[in-house]
Amino acid sequence: IKRASKSVFKLLKTNMNIRVGDEVATKKGNVLIEFADSSTIRLEENSNLVFNKLSHFGKTGMVDTRLRLKRGSLSTEVTPLVKGSRYEIT
């Protein structure tokens, strides 16, 4: 993981929080990322993913998740969204 305010990647650890602006990269192997709403992303080998926006709006259930896949591939399982929510990968 490379934190938004840093220029060097560090080892991503189990249960580590990911914040807006962070980038997760894989070389060999893959990583499973679970969101607060139980949606998941499996980032495959040789991939880079940037977390552009991560918002959860209180008790409404609305979420705004925007990610940018810079390189590689991923698979995802998204919890059904409520009206007004967004889940976007570019």
PDB file of N, CA and C in Angstrom:
ATOM      1  N   ILE A   1       0.854  -1.180   0.000  1.00  0.00           N
ATOM      2  CA  ILE A   1       0.000   0.000   0.000  1.00  0.00           C
ATOM      3  C   ILE A   1       0.892   1.231   0.000  1.00  0.00           C
ATOM      4  N   LYS A   2       0.479   2.224  -0.784  1.00  0.00           N
ATOM      5  CA  LYS A   2       1.152   3.523  -0.760  1.00  0.00           C
ATOM      6  C   LYS A   2       0.122   4.529  -0.268  1.00  0.00           C
ATOM      7  N   ARG A   3       0.378   5.121   0.877  1.00  0.00           N
ATOM      8  CA  ARG A   3      -0.533   6.113   1.440  1.00  0.00           C
ATOM      9  C   ARG A   3      -0.530   7.367   0.562  1.00  0.00           C
ATOM     10  N   ALA A   4      -1.646   8.078   0.564  1.00  0.00           N
ATOM     11  CA  ALA A   4      -1.801   9.273  -0.277  1.00  0.00           C
ATOM     12  C   ALA A   4      -0.701  10.289  -0.032  1.00  0.00           C
ATOM     13  N   SER A   5      -0.246  10.396   1.183  1.00  0.00           N
ATOM     14  CA  SER A   5       0.751  11.415   1.528  1.00  0.00           C
ATOM     15  C   SER A   5       2.183  10.912   1.418  1.00  0.00           C
ATOM     16  N   LYS A   6       2.379   9.680   0.956  1.00  0.00           N
ATOM     17  CA  LYS A   6       3.713   9.080   0.883  1.00  0.00           C
ATOM     18  C   LYS A   6       4.092   8.761  -0.554  1.00  0.00           C
ATOM     19  N   SER A   7       5.367   8.464  -0.763  1.00  0.00           N
ATOM     20  CA  SER A   7       5.828   8.124  -2.108  1.00  0.00           C
ATOM     21  C   SER A   7       6.367   6.699  -2.201  1.00  0.00           C
ATOM     22  N   VAL A   8       6.320   5.963  -1.089  1.00  0.00           N
ATOM     23  CA  VAL A   8       6.877   4.618  -1.052  1.00  0.00           C
ATOM     24  C   VAL A   8       5.788   3.612  -0.657  1.00  0.00           C
ATOM     25  N   PHE A   9       5.802   2.455  -1.321  1.00  0.00           N
ATOM     26  CA  PHE A   9       4.883   1.384  -0.973  1.00  0.00           C
ATOM     27  C   PHE A   9       5.389   0.639   0.263  1.00  0.00           C
ATOM     28  N   LYS A  10       4.443   0.220   1.104  1.00  0.00           N
ATOM     29  CA  LYS A  10       4.728  -0.612   2.274  1.00  0.00           C
ATOM     30  C   LYS A  10       3.835  -1.836   2.210  1.00  0.00           C
ATOM     31  N   LEU A  11       4.185  -2.857   2.942  1.00  0.00           N
ATOM     32  CA  LEU A  11       3.415  -4.089   2.951  1.00  0.00           C
ATOM     33  C   LEU A  11       2.023  -3.854   3.537  1.00  0.00           C
ATOM     34  N   LEU A  12       0.998  -4.280   2.798  1.00  0.00           N
ATOM     35  CA  LEU A  12      -0.386  -4.204   3.264  1.00  0.00           C
ATOM     36  C   LEU A  12      -0.619  -5.351   4.235  1.00  0.00           C
ATOM     37  N   LYS A  13      -1.160  -5.036   5.405  1.00  0.00           N
ATOM     38  CA  LYS A  13      -1.370  -6.048   6.432  1.00  0.00           C
ATOM     39  C   LYS A  13      -2.865  -6.334   6.611  1.00  0.00           C
ATOM     40  N   THR A  14      -3.171  -7.489   7.159  1.00  0.00           N
ATOM     41  CA  THR A  14      -4.555  -7.883   7.441  1.00  0.00           C
ATOM     42  C   THR A  14      -5.229  -6.849   8.330  1.00  0.00           C
ATOM     43  N   ASN A  15      -6.469  -6.508   7.991  1.00  0.00           N
ATOM     44  CA  ASN A  15      -7.304  -5.554   8.740  1.00  0.00           C
ATOM     45  C   ASN A  15      -6.790  -4.116   8.715  1.00  0.00           C
ATOM     46  N   MET A  16      -5.892  -3.788   7.808  1.00  0.00           N
ATOM     47  CA  MET A  16      -5.398  -2.418   7.683  1.00  0.00           C
ATOM     48  C   MET A  16      -6.463  -1.574   6.982  1.00  0.00           C
ATOM     49  N   ASN A  17      -6.726  -0.385   7.484  1.00  0.00           N
ATOM     50  CA  ASN A  17      -7.683   0.522   6.853  1.00  0.00           C
ATOM     51  C   ASN A  17      -7.067   1.165   5.623  1.00  0.00           C
ATOM     52  N   ILE A  18      -7.893   1.309   4.589  1.00  0.00           N
ATOM     53  CA  ILE A  18      -7.490   1.991   3.363  1.00  0.00           C
ATOM     54  C   ILE A  18      -8.257   3.294   3.314  1.00  0.00           C
ATOM     55  N   ARG A  19      -7.547   4.374   2.979  1.00  0.00           N
ATOM     56  CA  ARG A  19      -8.163   5.703   2.971  1.00  0.00           C
ATOM     57  C   ARG A  19      -8.188   6.292   1.561  1.00  0.00           C
ATOM     58  N   VAL A  20      -8.950   7.356   1.398  1.00  0.00           N
ATOM     59  CA  VAL A  20      -9.016   8.063   0.118  1.00  0.00           C
ATOM     60  C   VAL A  20      -7.613   8.495  -0.287  1.00  0.00           C
ATOM     61  N   GLY A  21      -7.270   8.247  -1.548  1.00  0.00           N
ATOM     62  CA  GLY A  21      -5.971   8.623  -2.083  1.00  0.00           C
ATOM     63  C   GLY A  21      -4.928   7.526  -1.998  1.00  0.00           C
ATOM     64  N   ASP A  22      -5.189   6.486  -1.212  1.00  0.00           N
ATOM     65  CA  ASP A  22      -4.247   5.370  -1.100  1.00  0.00           C
ATOM     66  C   ASP A  22      -4.245   4.558  -2.391  1.00  0.00           C
ATOM     67  N   GLU A  23      -3.116   3.901  -2.635  1.00  0.00           N
ATOM     68  CA  GLU A  23      -2.975   3.024  -3.794  1.00  0.00           C
ATOM     69  C   GLU A  23      -2.512   1.656  -3.303  1.00  0.00           C
ATOM     70  N   VAL A  24      -3.182   0.608  -3.795  1.00  0.00           N
ATOM     71  CA  VAL A  24      -2.806  -0.757  -3.465  1.00  0.00           C
ATOM     72  C   VAL A  24      -2.264  -1.399  -4.739  1.00  0.00           C
ATOM     73  N   ALA A  25      -1.111  -2.038  -4.614  1.00  0.00           N
ATOM     74  CA  ALA A  25      -0.484  -2.684  -5.764  1.00  0.00           C
ATOM     75  C   ALA A  25      -0.128  -4.122  -5.403  1.00  0.00           C
ATOM     76  N   THR A  26      -0.222  -4.993  -6.401  1.00  0.00           N
ATOM     77  CA  THR A  26       0.192  -6.378  -6.234  1.00  0.00           C
ATOM     78  C   THR A  26       1.306  -6.683  -7.224  1.00  0.00           C
ATOM     79  N   LYS A  27       2.155  -7.598  -6.857  1.00  0.00           N
ATOM     80  CA  LYS A  27       3.160  -8.135  -7.782  1.00  0.00           C
ATOM     81  C   LYS A  27       2.765  -9.573  -8.049  1.00  0.00           C
ATOM     82  N   LYS A  28       3.284 -10.495  -7.244  1.00  0.00           N
ATOM     83  CA  LYS A  28       2.874 -11.891  -7.359  1.00  0.00           C
ATOM     84  C   LYS A  28       1.766 -12.126  -6.342  1.00  0.00           C
ATOM     85  N   GLY A  29       0.749 -12.831  -6.743  1.00  0.00           N
ATOM     86  CA  GLY A  29      -0.367 -13.078  -5.848  1.00  0.00           C
ATOM     87  C   GLY A  29      -1.456 -12.037  -6.006  1.00  0.00           C
ATOM     88  N   ASN A  30      -2.460 -12.116  -5.133  1.00  0.00           N
ATOM     89  CA  ASN A  30      -3.578 -11.180  -5.188  1.00  0.00           C
ATOM     90  C   ASN A  30      -3.941 -10.778  -3.772  1.00  0.00           C
ATOM     91  N   VAL A  31      -4.853  -9.802  -3.679  1.00  0.00           N
ATOM     92  CA  VAL A  31      -5.295  -9.325  -2.368  1.00  0.00           C
ATOM     93  C   VAL A  31      -6.812  -9.177  -2.389  1.00  0.00           C
ATOM     94  N   LEU A  32      -7.443  -9.542  -1.276  1.00  0.00           N
ATOM     95  CA  LEU A  32      -8.883  -9.398  -1.130  1.00  0.00           C
ATOM     96  C   LEU A  32      -9.136  -8.208  -0.211  1.00  0.00           C
ATOM     97  N   ILE A  33      -9.910  -7.241  -0.686  1.00  0.00           N
ATOM     98  CA  ILE A  33     -10.221  -6.027   0.073  1.00  0.00           C
ATOM     99  C   ILE A  33     -11.713  -6.044   0.373  1.00  0.00           C
ATOM    100  N   GLU A  34     -12.058  -5.889   1.652  1.00  0.00           N
ATOM    101  CA  GLU A  34     -13.464  -5.880   2.054  1.00  0.00           C
ATOM    102  C   GLU A  34     -13.841  -4.493   2.553  1.00  0.00           C
ATOM    103  N   PHE A  35     -14.959  -3.969   2.047  1.00  0.00           N
ATOM    104  CA  PHE A  35     -15.461  -2.661   2.431  1.00  0.00           C
ATOM    105  C   PHE A  35     -16.392  -2.784   3.636  1.00  0.00           C
ATOM    106  N   ALA A  36     -16.710  -1.668   4.249  1.00  0.00           N
ATOM    107  CA  ALA A  36     -17.580  -1.641   5.427  1.00  0.00           C
ATOM    108  C   ALA A  36     -18.951  -2.237   5.146  1.00  0.00           C
ATOM    109  N   ASP A  37     -19.438  -2.135   3.907  1.00  0.00           N
ATOM    110  CA  ASP A  37     -20.762  -2.680   3.565  1.00  0.00           C
ATOM    111  C   ASP A  37     -20.698  -4.142   3.120  1.00  0.00           C
ATOM    112  N   SER A  38     -19.548  -4.781   3.299  1.00  0.00           N
ATOM    113  CA  SER A  38     -19.285  -6.184   2.940  1.00  0.00           C
ATOM    114  C   SER A  38     -19.054  -6.426   1.457  1.00  0.00           C
ATOM    115  N   SER A  39     -19.036  -5.381   0.630  1.00  0.00           N
ATOM    116  CA  SER A  39     -18.612  -5.535  -0.759  1.00  0.00           C
ATOM    117  C   SER A  39     -17.138  -5.926  -0.750  1.00  0.00           C
ATOM    118  N   THR A  40     -16.705  -6.665  -1.780  1.00  0.00           N
ATOM    119  CA  THR A  40     -15.311  -7.077  -1.848  1.00  0.00           C
ATOM    120  C   THR A  40     -14.714  -6.832  -3.227  1.00  0.00           C
ATOM    121  N   ILE A  41     -13.407  -6.663  -3.235  1.00  0.00           N
ATOM    122  CA  ILE A  41     -12.625  -6.576  -4.471  1.00  0.00           C
ATOM    123  C   ILE A  41     -11.466  -7.546  -4.326  1.00  0.00           C
ATOM    124  N   ARG A  42     -11.231  -8.342  -5.353  1.00  0.00           N
ATOM    125  CA  ARG A  42     -10.033  -9.162  -5.423  1.00  0.00           C
ATOM    126  C   ARG A  42      -9.140  -8.532  -6.482  1.00  0.00           C
ATOM    127  N   LEU A  43      -8.064  -7.927  -6.033  1.00  0.00           N
ATOM    128  CA  LEU A  43      -7.099  -7.306  -6.937  1.00  0.00           C
ATOM    129  C   LEU A  43      -6.116  -8.384  -7.362  1.00  0.00           C
ATOM    130  N   GLU A  44      -6.052  -8.630  -8.655  1.00  0.00           N
ATOM    131  CA  GLU A  44      -5.248  -9.726  -9.182  1.00  0.00           C
ATOM    132  C   GLU A  44      -3.767  -9.354  -9.290  1.00  0.00           C
ATOM    133  N   GLU A  45      -2.963 -10.340  -9.612  1.00  0.00           N
ATOM    134  CA  GLU A  45      -1.516 -10.205  -9.755  1.00  0.00           C
ATOM    135  C   GLU A  45      -1.144  -9.070 -10.711  1.00  0.00           C
ATOM    136  N   ASN A  46      -0.084  -8.337 -10.404  1.00  0.00           N
ATOM    137  CA  ASN A  46       0.437  -7.234 -11.230  1.00  0.00           C
ATOM    138  C   ASN A  46      -0.606  -6.155 -11.514  1.00  0.00           C
ATOM    139  N   SER A  47      -1.266  -5.708 -10.463  1.00  0.00           N
ATOM    140  CA  SER A  47      -2.320  -4.696 -10.600  1.00  0.00           C
ATOM    141  C   SER A  47      -2.087  -3.522  -9.654  1.00  0.00           C
ATOM    142  N   ASN A  48      -2.617  -2.353 -10.021  1.00  0.00           N
ATOM    143  CA  ASN A  48      -2.573  -1.144  -9.190  1.00  0.00           C
ATOM    144  C   ASN A  48      -3.965  -0.529  -9.140  1.00  0.00           C
ATOM    145  N   LEU A  49      -4.445  -0.251  -7.919  1.00  0.00           N
ATOM    146  CA  LEU A  49      -5.781   0.309  -7.723  1.00  0.00           C
ATOM    147  C   LEU A  49      -5.694   1.508  -6.792  1.00  0.00           C
ATOM    148  N   VAL A  50      -6.272   2.647  -7.231  1.00  0.00           N
ATOM    149  CA  VAL A  50      -6.286   3.872  -6.436  1.00  0.00           C
ATOM    150  C   VAL A  50      -7.692   4.089  -5.902  1.00  0.00           C
ATOM    151  N   PHE A  51      -7.779   4.461  -4.629  1.00  0.00           N
ATOM    152  CA  PHE A  51      -9.062   4.715  -3.975  1.00  0.00           C
ATOM    153  C   PHE A  51      -9.344   6.212  -4.025  1.00  0.00           C
ATOM    154  N   ASN A  52     -10.146   6.639  -5.016  1.00  0.00           N
ATOM    155  CA  ASN A  52     -10.403   8.064  -5.234  1.00  0.00           C
ATOM    156  C   ASN A  52     -11.442   8.649  -4.283  1.00  0.00           C
ATOM    157  N   LYS A  53     -12.474   7.884  -3.947  1.00  0.00           N
ATOM    158  CA  LYS A  53     -13.512   8.395  -3.048  1.00  0.00           C
ATOM    159  C   LYS A  53     -14.133   7.229  -2.292  1.00  0.00           C
ATOM    160  N   LEU A  54     -14.247   7.390  -0.977  1.00  0.00           N
ATOM    161  CA  LEU A  54     -14.866   6.376  -0.116  1.00  0.00           C
ATOM    162  C   LEU A  54     -15.742   7.109   0.884  1.00  0.00           C
ATOM    163  N   SER A  55     -17.044   7.092   0.666  1.00  0.00           N
ATOM    164  CA  SER A  55     -17.959   7.808   1.565  1.00  0.00           C
ATOM    165  C   SER A  55     -19.123   6.907   1.953  1.00  0.00           C
ATOM    166  N   HIS A  56     -19.561   7.053   3.177  1.00  0.00           N
ATOM    167  CA  HIS A  56     -20.743   6.357   3.682  1.00  0.00           C
ATOM    168  C   HIS A  56     -21.588   7.403   4.383  1.00  0.00           C
ATOM    169  N   PHE A  57     -22.846   7.506   4.023  1.00  0.00           N
ATOM    170  CA  PHE A  57     -23.693   8.576   4.530  1.00  0.00           C
ATOM    171  C   PHE A  57     -24.615   8.094   5.637  1.00  0.00           C
ATOM    172  N   GLY A  58     -24.076   8.061   6.837  1.00  0.00           N
ATOM    173  CA  GLY A  58     -24.845   7.758   8.046  1.00  0.00           C
ATOM    174  C   GLY A  58     -25.788   6.586   7.933  1.00  0.00           C
ATOM    175  N   LYS A  59     -26.997   6.766   8.437  1.00  0.00           N
ATOM    176  CA  LYS A  59     -27.987   5.687   8.495  1.00  0.00           C
ATOM    177  C   LYS A  59     -28.756   5.508   7.190  1.00  0.00           C
ATOM    178  N   THR A  60     -28.498   6.355   6.202  1.00  0.00           N
ATOM    179  CA  THR A  60     -29.234   6.253   4.940  1.00  0.00           C
ATOM    180  C   THR A  60     -28.849   5.019   4.148  1.00  0.00           C
ATOM    181  N   GLY A  61     -27.647   4.487   4.383  1.00  0.00           N
ATOM    182  CA  GLY A  61     -27.168   3.339   3.622  1.00  0.00           C
ATOM    183  C   GLY A  61     -26.516   3.729   2.318  1.00  0.00           C
ATOM    184  N   MET A  62     -26.548   5.033   1.978  1.00  0.00           N
ATOM    185  CA  MET A  62     -25.933   5.491   0.739  1.00  0.00           C
ATOM    186  C   MET A  62     -24.413   5.427   0.847  1.00  0.00           C
ATOM    187  N   VAL A  63     -23.785   4.977  -0.239  1.00  0.00           N
ATOM    188  CA  VAL A  63     -22.329   4.945  -0.314  1.00  0.00           C
ATOM    189  C   VAL A  63     -21.888   5.571  -1.622  1.00  0.00           C
ATOM    190  N   ASP A  64     -20.688   6.107  -1.625  1.00  0.00           N
ATOM    191  CA  ASP A  64     -20.088   6.659  -2.831  1.00  0.00           C
ATOM    192  C   ASP A  64     -18.661   6.112  -2.886  1.00  0.00           C
ATOM    193  N   THR A  65     -18.462   5.126  -3.743  1.00  0.00           N
ATOM    194  CA  THR A  65     -17.169   4.464  -3.876  1.00  0.00           C
ATOM    195  C   THR A  65     -16.686   4.661  -5.300  1.00  0.00           C
ATOM    196  N   ARG A  66     -15.521   5.307  -5.451  1.00  0.00           N
ATOM    197  CA  ARG A  66     -14.946   5.531  -6.775  1.00  0.00           C
ATOM    198  C   ARG A  66     -13.480   5.094  -6.745  1.00  0.00           C
ATOM    199  N   LEU A  67     -13.161   4.179  -7.647  1.00  0.00           N
ATOM    200  CA  LEU A  67     -11.836   3.583  -7.710  1.00  0.00           C
ATOM    201  C   LEU A  67     -11.273   3.736  -9.114  1.00  0.00           C
ATOM    202  N   ARG A  68      -9.934   3.758  -9.216  1.00  0.00           N
ATOM    203  CA  ARG A  68      -9.288   3.842 -10.537  1.00  0.00           C
ATOM    204  C   ARG A  68      -8.290   2.705 -10.656  1.00  0.00           C
ATOM    205  N   LEU A  69      -8.533   1.804 -11.587  1.00  0.00           N
ATOM    206  CA  LEU A  69      -7.629   0.696 -11.860  1.00  0.00           C
ATOM    207  C   LEU A  69      -6.572   1.203 -12.842  1.00  0.00           C
ATOM    208  N   LYS A  70      -5.364   1.420 -12.338  1.00  0.00           N
ATOM    209  CA  LYS A  70      -4.283   1.941 -13.168  1.00  0.00           C
ATOM    210  C   LYS A  70      -3.674   0.870 -14.053  1.00  0.00           C
ATOM    211  N   ARG A  71      -3.686  -0.374 -13.537  1.00  0.00           N
ATOM    212  CA  ARG A  71      -3.071  -1.463 -14.283  1.00  0.00           C
ATOM    213  C   ARG A  71      -3.609  -2.780 -13.751  1.00  0.00           C
ATOM    214  N   GLY A  72      -3.728  -3.769 -14.630  1.00  0.00           N
ATOM    215  CA  GLY A  72      -4.085  -5.105 -14.193  1.00  0.00           C
ATOM    216  C   GLY A  72      -5.566  -5.413 -14.270  1.00  0.00           C
ATOM    217  N   SER A  73      -6.016  -6.266 -13.334  1.00  0.00           N
ATOM    218  CA  SER A  73      -7.408  -6.695 -13.352  1.00  0.00           C
ATOM    219  C   SER A  73      -7.906  -6.943 -11.935  1.00  0.00           C
ATOM    220  N   LEU A  74      -9.226  -7.003 -11.824  1.00  0.00           N
ATOM    221  CA  LEU A  74      -9.852  -7.254 -10.535  1.00  0.00           C
ATOM    222  C   LEU A  74     -11.201  -7.890 -10.755  1.00  0.00           C
ATOM    223  N   SER A  75     -11.721  -8.474  -9.696  1.00  0.00           N
ATOM    224  CA  SER A  75     -13.099  -8.958  -9.693  1.00  0.00           C
ATOM    225  C   SER A  75     -13.752  -8.376  -8.443  1.00  0.00           C
ATOM    226  N   THR A  76     -15.065  -8.273  -8.471  1.00  0.00           N
ATOM    227  CA  THR A  76     -15.753  -7.612  -7.372  1.00  0.00           C
ATOM    228  C   THR A  76     -17.097  -8.252  -7.092  1.00  0.00           C
ATOM    229  N   GLU A  77     -17.519  -8.196  -5.848  1.00  0.00           N
ATOM    230  CA  GLU A  77     -18.873  -8.552  -5.422  1.00  0.00           C
ATOM    231  C   GLU A  77     -19.395  -7.357  -4.656  1.00  0.00           C
ATOM    232  N   VAL A  78     -20.434  -6.723  -5.197  1.00  0.00           N
ATOM    233  CA  VAL A  78     -20.951  -5.484  -4.623  1.00  0.00           C
ATOM    234  C   VAL A  78     -22.273  -5.747  -3.915  1.00  0.00           C
ATOM    235  N   THR A  79     -22.356  -5.287  -2.671  1.00  0.00           N
ATOM    236  CA  THR A  79     -23.607  -5.335  -1.932  1.00  0.00           C
ATOM    237  C   THR A  79     -24.610  -4.454  -2.669  1.00  0.00           C
ATOM    238  N   PRO A  80     -25.861  -4.908  -2.842  1.00  0.00           N
ATOM    239  CA  PRO A  80     -26.850  -4.084  -3.556  1.00  0.00           C
ATOM    240  C   PRO A  80     -26.893  -2.655  -2.998  1.00  0.00           C
ATOM    241  N   LEU A  81     -26.893  -1.698  -3.907  1.00  0.00           N
ATOM    242  CA  LEU A  81     -26.859  -0.290  -3.529  1.00  0.00           C
ATOM    243  C   LEU A  81     -28.258   0.263  -3.305  1.00  0.00           C
ATOM    244  N   VAL A  82     -28.353   1.235  -2.422  1.00  0.00           N
ATOM    245  CA  VAL A  82     -29.619   1.945  -2.244  1.00  0.00           C
ATOM    246  C   VAL A  82     -29.659   3.102  -3.243  1.00  0.00           C
ATOM    247  N   LYS A  83     -30.839   3.628  -3.480  1.00  0.00           N
ATOM    248  CA  LYS A  83     -30.996   4.730  -4.434  1.00  0.00           C
ATOM    249  C   LYS A  83     -30.087   5.895  -4.028  1.00  0.00           C
ATOM    250  N   GLY A  84     -29.370   6.442  -5.000  1.00  0.00           N
ATOM    251  CA  GLY A  84     -28.461   7.557  -4.750  1.00  0.00           C
ATOM    252  C   GLY A  84     -27.026   7.131  -4.491  1.00  0.00           C
ATOM    253  N   SER A  85     -26.791   5.815  -4.396  1.00  0.00           N
ATOM    254  CA  SER A  85     -25.439   5.327  -4.155  1.00  0.00           C
ATOM    255  C   SER A  85     -24.683   5.194  -5.470  1.00  0.00           C
ATOM    256  N   ARG A  86     -23.357   5.133  -5.355  1.00  0.00           N
ATOM    257  CA  ARG A  86     -22.516   4.984  -6.536  1.00  0.00           C
ATOM    258  C   ARG A  86     -21.365   4.041  -6.200  1.00  0.00           C
ATOM    259  N   TYR A  87     -21.074   3.136  -7.155  1.00  0.00           N
ATOM    260  CA  TYR A  87     -19.929   2.259  -7.067  1.00  0.00           C
ATOM    261  C   TYR A  87     -19.326   2.256  -8.458  1.00  0.00           C
ATOM    262  N   GLU A  88     -18.162   2.865  -8.606  1.00  0.00           N
ATOM    263  CA  GLU A  88     -17.613   3.112  -9.938  1.00  0.00           C
ATOM    264  C   GLU A  88     -16.129   2.771  -9.984  1.00  0.00           C
ATOM    265  N   ILE A  89     -15.752   2.008 -10.992  1.00  0.00           N
ATOM    266  CA  ILE A  89     -14.343   1.695 -11.223  1.00  0.00           C
ATOM    267  C   ILE A  89     -14.012   2.156 -12.639  1.00  0.00           C
ATOM    268  N   THR A  90     -13.000   2.997 -12.747  1.00  0.00           N
ATOM    269  CA  THR A  90     -12.561   3.448 -14.087  1.00  0.00           C
ATOM    270  C   THR A  90     -11.190   2.926 -14.363  1.00  0.00           C
TER     271      THR A  90
END
